Amino acid sequence: MATLFSGAKLPTPSSPLKVGDLAPDFSLPDQNGKEVRLSEFRGSKNVVLAFYVLAYTPG
């Protein structure tokens, strides 16, 4: 269990993936709208995914 500063307990997230496992293949649109697959980069490039919660949203 993870502990928050307030002392509340949260369940520790679990995943079937372990450190060192290959990421499952998926596709996403790039900045130009072209679909790219993770598997296209396997063995040739490092891939970093950055998620910006609420980025480009009003308010």
PDB file of N, CA and C in Angstrom:
ATOM      1  N   MET A   1       0.831  -1.187   0.000  1.00  0.00           N
ATOM      2  CA  MET A   1       0.000   0.000   0.000  1.00  0.00           C
ATOM      3  C   MET A   1       0.877   1.253   0.000  1.00  0.00           C
ATOM      4  N   ALA A   2       0.471   2.230  -0.778  1.00  0.00           N
ATOM      5  CA  ALA A   2       1.147   3.519  -0.799  1.00  0.00           C
ATOM      6  C   ALA A   2       0.526   4.397   0.279  1.00  0.00           C
ATOM      7  N   THR A   3       1.342   5.228   0.911  1.00  0.00           N
ATOM      8  CA  THR A   3       0.858   6.105   1.959  1.00  0.00           C
ATOM      9  C   THR A   3       0.907   7.543   1.480  1.00  0.00           C
ATOM     10  N   LEU A   4      -0.194   8.250   1.625  1.00  0.00           N
ATOM     11  CA  LEU A   4      -0.234   9.669   1.315  1.00  0.00           C
ATOM     12  C   LEU A   4       0.227  10.454   2.530  1.00  0.00           C
ATOM     13  N   PHE A   5       0.529  11.724   2.347  1.00  0.00           N
ATOM     14  CA  PHE A   5       0.973  12.555   3.461  1.00  0.00           C
ATOM     15  C   PHE A   5      -0.094  12.659   4.541  1.00  0.00           C
ATOM     16  N   SER A   6      -1.372  12.556   4.149  1.00  0.00           N
ATOM     17  CA  SER A   6      -2.461  12.654   5.126  1.00  0.00           C
ATOM     18  C   SER A   6      -2.599  11.376   5.950  1.00  0.00           C
ATOM     19  N   GLY A   7      -1.856  10.332   5.571  1.00  0.00           N
ATOM     20  CA  GLY A   7      -1.937   9.079   6.284  1.00  0.00           C
ATOM     21  C   GLY A   7      -2.901   8.091   5.645  1.00  0.00           C
ATOM     22  N   ALA A   8      -3.646   8.525   4.613  1.00  0.00           N
ATOM     23  CA  ALA A   8      -4.576   7.626   3.928  1.00  0.00           C
ATOM     24  C   ALA A   8      -3.795   6.540   3.200  1.00  0.00           C
ATOM     25  N   LYS A   9      -4.382   5.375   3.078  1.00  0.00           N
ATOM     26  CA  LYS A   9      -3.745   4.252   2.386  1.00  0.00           C
ATOM     27  C   LYS A   9      -4.420   4.033   1.040  1.00  0.00           C
ATOM     28  N   LEU A  10      -3.609   3.859   0.005  1.00  0.00           N
ATOM     29  CA  LEU A  10      -4.102   3.557  -1.323  1.00  0.00           C
ATOM     30  C   LEU A  10      -3.558   2.208  -1.752  1.00  0.00           C
ATOM     31  N   PRO A  11      -4.326   1.448  -2.531  1.00  0.00           N
ATOM     32  CA  PRO A  11      -3.785   0.181  -3.028  1.00  0.00           C
ATOM     33  C   PRO A  11      -2.641   0.446  -4.007  1.00  0.00           C
ATOM     34  N   THR A  12      -1.627  -0.386  -3.970  1.00  0.00           N
ATOM     35  CA  THR A  12      -0.519  -0.272  -4.898  1.00  0.00           C
ATOM     36  C   THR A  12      -0.965  -0.795  -6.257  1.00  0.00           C
ATOM     37  N   PRO A  13      -0.798   0.029  -7.323  1.00  0.00           N
ATOM     38  CA  PRO A  13      -1.216  -0.443  -8.649  1.00  0.00           C
ATOM     39  C   PRO A  13      -0.445  -1.697  -9.042  1.00  0.00           C
ATOM     40  N   SER A  14      -1.119  -2.586  -9.751  1.00  0.00           N
ATOM     41  CA  SER A  14      -0.442  -3.787 -10.210  1.00  0.00           C
ATOM     42  C   SER A  14      -0.536  -3.861 -11.727  1.00  0.00           C
ATOM     43  N   SER A  15       0.406  -4.543 -12.333  1.00  0.00           N
ATOM     44  CA  SER A  15       0.447  -4.687 -13.775  1.00  0.00           C
ATOM     45  C   SER A  15       1.058  -6.035 -14.096  1.00  0.00           C
ATOM     46  N   PRO A  16       0.612  -6.657 -15.187  1.00  0.00           N
ATOM     47  CA  PRO A  16       1.232  -7.920 -15.579  1.00  0.00           C
ATOM     48  C   PRO A  16       2.639  -7.705 -16.141  1.00  0.00           C
ATOM     49  N   LEU A  17       2.991  -6.447 -16.457  1.00  0.00           N
ATOM     50  CA  LEU A  17       4.334  -6.159 -16.975  1.00  0.00           C
ATOM     51  C   LEU A  17       5.337  -6.060 -15.835  1.00  0.00           C
ATOM     52  N   LYS A  18       6.509  -6.544 -16.085  1.00  0.00           N
ATOM     53  CA  LYS A  18       7.600  -6.472 -15.118  1.00  0.00           C
ATOM     54  C   LYS A  18       8.745  -5.662 -15.725  1.00  0.00           C
ATOM     55  N   VAL A  19       9.622  -5.172 -14.894  1.00  0.00           N
ATOM     56  CA  VAL A  19      10.790  -4.439 -15.371  1.00  0.00           C
ATOM     57  C   VAL A  19      11.553  -5.313 -16.359  1.00  0.00           C
ATOM     58  N   GLY A  20      11.861  -4.756 -17.517  1.00  0.00           N
ATOM     59  CA  GLY A  20      12.594  -5.493 -18.539  1.00  0.00           C
ATOM     60  C   GLY A  20      11.711  -6.139 -19.592  1.00  0.00           C
ATOM     61  N   ASP A  21      10.386  -6.220 -19.341  1.00  0.00           N
ATOM     62  CA  ASP A  21       9.477  -6.775 -20.341  1.00  0.00           C
ATOM     63  C   ASP A  21       9.361  -5.835 -21.532  1.00  0.00           C
ATOM     64  N   LEU A  22       9.095  -6.392 -22.714  1.00  0.00           N
ATOM     65  CA  LEU A  22       8.806  -5.566 -23.871  1.00  0.00           C
ATOM     66  C   LEU A  22       7.410  -4.970 -23.707  1.00  0.00           C
ATOM     67  N   ALA A  23       7.277  -3.718 -24.083  1.00  0.00           N
ATOM     68  CA  ALA A  23       5.968  -3.072 -24.019  1.00  0.00           C
ATOM     69  C   ALA A  23       5.048  -3.680 -25.069  1.00  0.00           C
ATOM     70  N   PRO A  24       3.772  -3.797 -24.779  1.00  0.00           N
ATOM     71  CA  PRO A  24       2.844  -4.304 -25.786  1.00  0.00           C
ATOM     72  C   PRO A  24       2.765  -3.327 -26.961  1.00  0.00           C
ATOM     73  N   ASP A  25       2.566  -3.853 -28.143  1.00  0.00           N
ATOM     74  CA  ASP A  25       2.486  -3.005 -29.328  1.00  0.00           C
ATOM     75  C   ASP A  25       1.194  -2.198 -29.304  1.00  0.00           C
ATOM     76  N   PHE A  26       1.249  -0.965 -29.766  1.00  0.00           N
ATOM     77  CA  PHE A  26       0.076  -0.104 -29.885  1.00  0.00           C
ATOM     78  C   PHE A  26       0.351   0.918 -30.967  1.00  0.00           C
ATOM     79  N   SER A  27      -0.689   1.611 -31.388  1.00  0.00           N
ATOM     80  CA  SER A  27      -0.520   2.669 -32.381  1.00  0.00           C
ATOM     81  C   SER A  27      -1.172   3.948 -31.874  1.00  0.00           C
ATOM     82  N   LEU A  28      -0.600   5.073 -32.275  1.00  0.00           N
ATOM     83  CA  LEU A  28      -1.106   6.398 -31.933  1.00  0.00           C
ATOM     84  C   LEU A  28      -0.860   7.324 -33.112  1.00  0.00           C
ATOM     85  N   PRO A  29      -1.649   8.392 -33.240  1.00  0.00           N
ATOM     86  CA  PRO A  29      -1.349   9.352 -34.296  1.00  0.00           C
ATOM     87  C   PRO A  29      -0.168  10.232 -33.892  1.00  0.00           C
ATOM     88  N   ASP A  30       0.706  10.556 -34.863  1.00  0.00           N
ATOM     89  CA  ASP A  30       1.808  11.478 -34.580  1.00  0.00           C
ATOM     90  C   ASP A  30       1.299  12.913 -34.705  1.00  0.00           C
ATOM     91  N   GLN A  31       2.193  13.883 -34.600  1.00  0.00           N
ATOM     92  CA  GLN A  31       1.806  15.292 -34.630  1.00  0.00           C
ATOM     93  C   GLN A  31       1.195  15.704 -35.968  1.00  0.00           C
ATOM     94  N   ASN A  32       1.367  14.901 -37.005  1.00  0.00           N
ATOM     95  CA  ASN A  32       0.790  15.192 -38.319  1.00  0.00           C
ATOM     96  C   ASN A  32      -0.437  14.342 -38.617  1.00  0.00           C
ATOM     97  N   GLY A  33      -0.888  13.551 -37.640  1.00  0.00           N
ATOM     98  CA  GLY A  33      -2.060  12.718 -37.813  1.00  0.00           C
ATOM     99  C   GLY A  33      -1.778  11.354 -38.428  1.00  0.00           C
ATOM    100  N   LYS A  34      -0.518  11.059 -38.770  1.00  0.00           N
ATOM    101  CA  LYS A  34      -0.148   9.764 -39.350  1.00  0.00           C
ATOM    102  C   LYS A  34      -0.059   8.726 -38.225  1.00  0.00           C
ATOM    103  N   GLU A  35      -0.671   7.555 -38.444  1.00  0.00           N
ATOM    104  CA  GLU A  35      -0.619   6.501 -37.438  1.00  0.00           C
ATOM    105  C   GLU A  35       0.767   5.867 -37.409  1.00  0.00           C
ATOM    106  N   VAL A  36       1.338   5.762 -36.223  1.00  0.00           N
ATOM    107  CA  VAL A  36       2.631   5.089 -36.045  1.00  0.00           C
ATOM    108  C   VAL A  36       2.462   3.997 -34.996  1.00  0.00           C
ATOM    109  N   ARG A  37       3.204   2.914 -35.149  1.00  0.00           N
ATOM    110  CA  ARG A  37       3.147   1.781 -34.222  1.00  0.00           C
ATOM    111  C   ARG A  37       4.448   1.707 -33.437  1.00  0.00           C
ATOM    112  N   LEU A  38       4.345   1.325 -32.195  1.00  0.00           N
ATOM    113  CA  LEU A  38       5.533   1.155 -31.369  1.00  0.00           C
ATOM    114  C   LEU A  38       6.488   0.165 -32.008  1.00  0.00           C
ATOM    115  N   SER A  39       5.949  -0.900 -32.593  1.00  0.00           N
ATOM    116  CA  SER A  39       6.791  -1.940 -33.183  1.00  0.00           C
ATOM    117  C   SER A  39       7.655  -1.415 -34.334  1.00  0.00           C
ATOM    118  N   GLU A  40       7.284  -0.290 -34.948  1.00  0.00           N
ATOM    119  CA  GLU A  40       8.087   0.295 -36.018  1.00  0.00           C
ATOM    120  C   GLU A  40       9.445   0.773 -35.518  1.00  0.00           C
ATOM    121  N   PHE A  41       9.554   1.047 -34.233  1.00  0.00           N
ATOM    122  CA  PHE A  41      10.789   1.576 -33.660  1.00  0.00           C
ATOM    123  C   PHE A  41      11.620   0.523 -32.932  1.00  0.00           C
ATOM    124  N   ARG A  42      11.045  -0.663 -32.727  1.00  0.00           N
ATOM    125  CA  ARG A  42      11.722  -1.699 -31.955  1.00  0.00           C
ATOM    126  C   ARG A  42      13.063  -2.048 -32.578  1.00  0.00           C
ATOM    127  N   GLY A  43      14.126  -1.984 -31.782  1.00  0.00           N
ATOM    128  CA  GLY A  43      15.465  -2.343 -32.233  1.00  0.00           C
ATOM    129  C   GLY A  43      16.216  -1.234 -32.941  1.00  0.00           C
ATOM    130  N   SER A  44      15.557  -0.089 -33.182  1.00  0.00           N
ATOM    131  CA  SER A  44      16.264   0.971 -33.893  1.00  0.00           C
ATOM    132  C   SER A  44      16.302   2.289 -33.146  1.00  0.00           C
ATOM    133  N   LYS A  45      15.357   2.548 -32.273  1.00  0.00           N
ATOM    134  CA  LYS A  45      15.297   3.826 -31.570  1.00  0.00           C
ATOM    135  C   LYS A  45      14.767   3.631 -30.156  1.00  0.00           C
ATOM    136  N   ASN A  46      15.107   4.590 -29.296  1.00  0.00           N
ATOM    137  CA  ASN A  46      14.488   4.644 -27.977  1.00  0.00           C
ATOM    138  C   ASN A  46      13.187   5.415 -28.113  1.00  0.00           C
ATOM    139  N   VAL A  47      12.181   5.027 -27.364  1.00  0.00           N
ATOM    140  CA  VAL A  47      10.883   5.682 -27.423  1.00  0.00           C
ATOM    141  C   VAL A  47      10.533   6.187 -26.029  1.00  0.00           C
ATOM    142  N   VAL A  48      10.095   7.439 -25.953  1.00  0.00           N
ATOM    143  CA  VAL A  48       9.631   8.027 -24.701  1.00  0.00           C
ATOM    144  C   VAL A  48       8.221   8.537 -24.927  1.00  0.00           C
ATOM    145  N   LEU A  49       7.309   8.148 -24.065  1.00  0.00           N
ATOM    146  CA  LEU A  49       5.934   8.650 -24.127  1.00  0.00           C
ATOM    147  C   LEU A  49       5.749   9.658 -23.010  1.00  0.00           C
ATOM    148  N   ALA A  50       5.210  10.806 -23.345  1.00  0.00           N
ATOM    149  CA  ALA A  50       4.924  11.833 -22.344  1.00  0.00           C
ATOM    150  C   ALA A  50       3.437  12.156 -22.395  1.00  0.00           C
ATOM    151  N   PHE A  51       2.764  12.007 -21.287  1.00  0.00           N
ATOM    152  CA  PHE A  51       1.345  12.317 -21.206  1.00  0.00           C
ATOM    153  C   PHE A  51       1.187  13.578 -20.372  1.00  0.00           C
ATOM    154  N   TYR A  52       0.564  14.582 -20.950  1.00  0.00           N
ATOM    155  CA  TYR A  52       0.323  15.839 -20.260  1.00  0.00           C
ATOM    156  C   TYR A  52      -1.165  15.915 -19.944  1.00  0.00           C
ATOM    157  N   VAL A  53      -1.492  15.611 -18.712  1.00  0.00           N
ATOM    158  CA  VAL A  53      -2.881  15.595 -18.281  1.00  0.00           C
ATOM    159  C   VAL A  53      -3.460  17.007 -18.411  1.00  0.00           C
ATOM    160  N   LEU A  54      -4.593  17.090 -19.062  1.00  0.00           N
ATOM    161  CA  LEU A  54      -5.328  18.339 -19.276  1.00  0.00           C
ATOM    162  C   LEU A  54      -4.591  19.345 -20.161  1.00  0.00           C
ATOM    163  N   ALA A  55      -3.560  18.927 -20.872  1.00  0.00           N
ATOM    164  CA  ALA A  55      -2.855  19.836 -21.786  1.00  0.00           C
ATOM    165  C   ALA A  55      -3.797  20.194 -22.925  1.00  0.00           C
ATOM    166  N   TYR A  56      -3.709  21.407 -23.349  1.00  0.00           N
ATOM    167  CA  TYR A  56      -4.511  21.927 -24.465  1.00  0.00           C
ATOM    168  C   TYR A  56      -6.009  21.870 -24.188  1.00  0.00           C
ATOM    169  N   THR A  57      -6.382  21.979 -22.928  1.00  0.00           N
ATOM    170  CA  THR A  57      -7.802  22.030 -22.592  1.00  0.00           C
ATOM    171  C   THR A  57      -8.107  23.397 -21.972  1.00  0.00           C
ATOM    172  N   PRO A  58      -9.269  23.931 -22.231  1.00  0.00           N
ATOM    173  CA  PRO A  58      -9.604  25.245 -21.672  1.00  0.00           C
ATOM    174  C   PRO A  58      -9.795  25.158 -20.160  1.00  0.00           C
ATOM    175  N   GLY A  59      -9.517  26.249 -19.506  1.00  0.00           N
ATOM    176  CA  GLY A  59      -9.786  26.338 -18.071  1.00  0.00           C
ATOM    177  C   GLY A  59      -8.626  26.073 -17.291  1.00  0.00           C
TER     178      GLY A  59
END
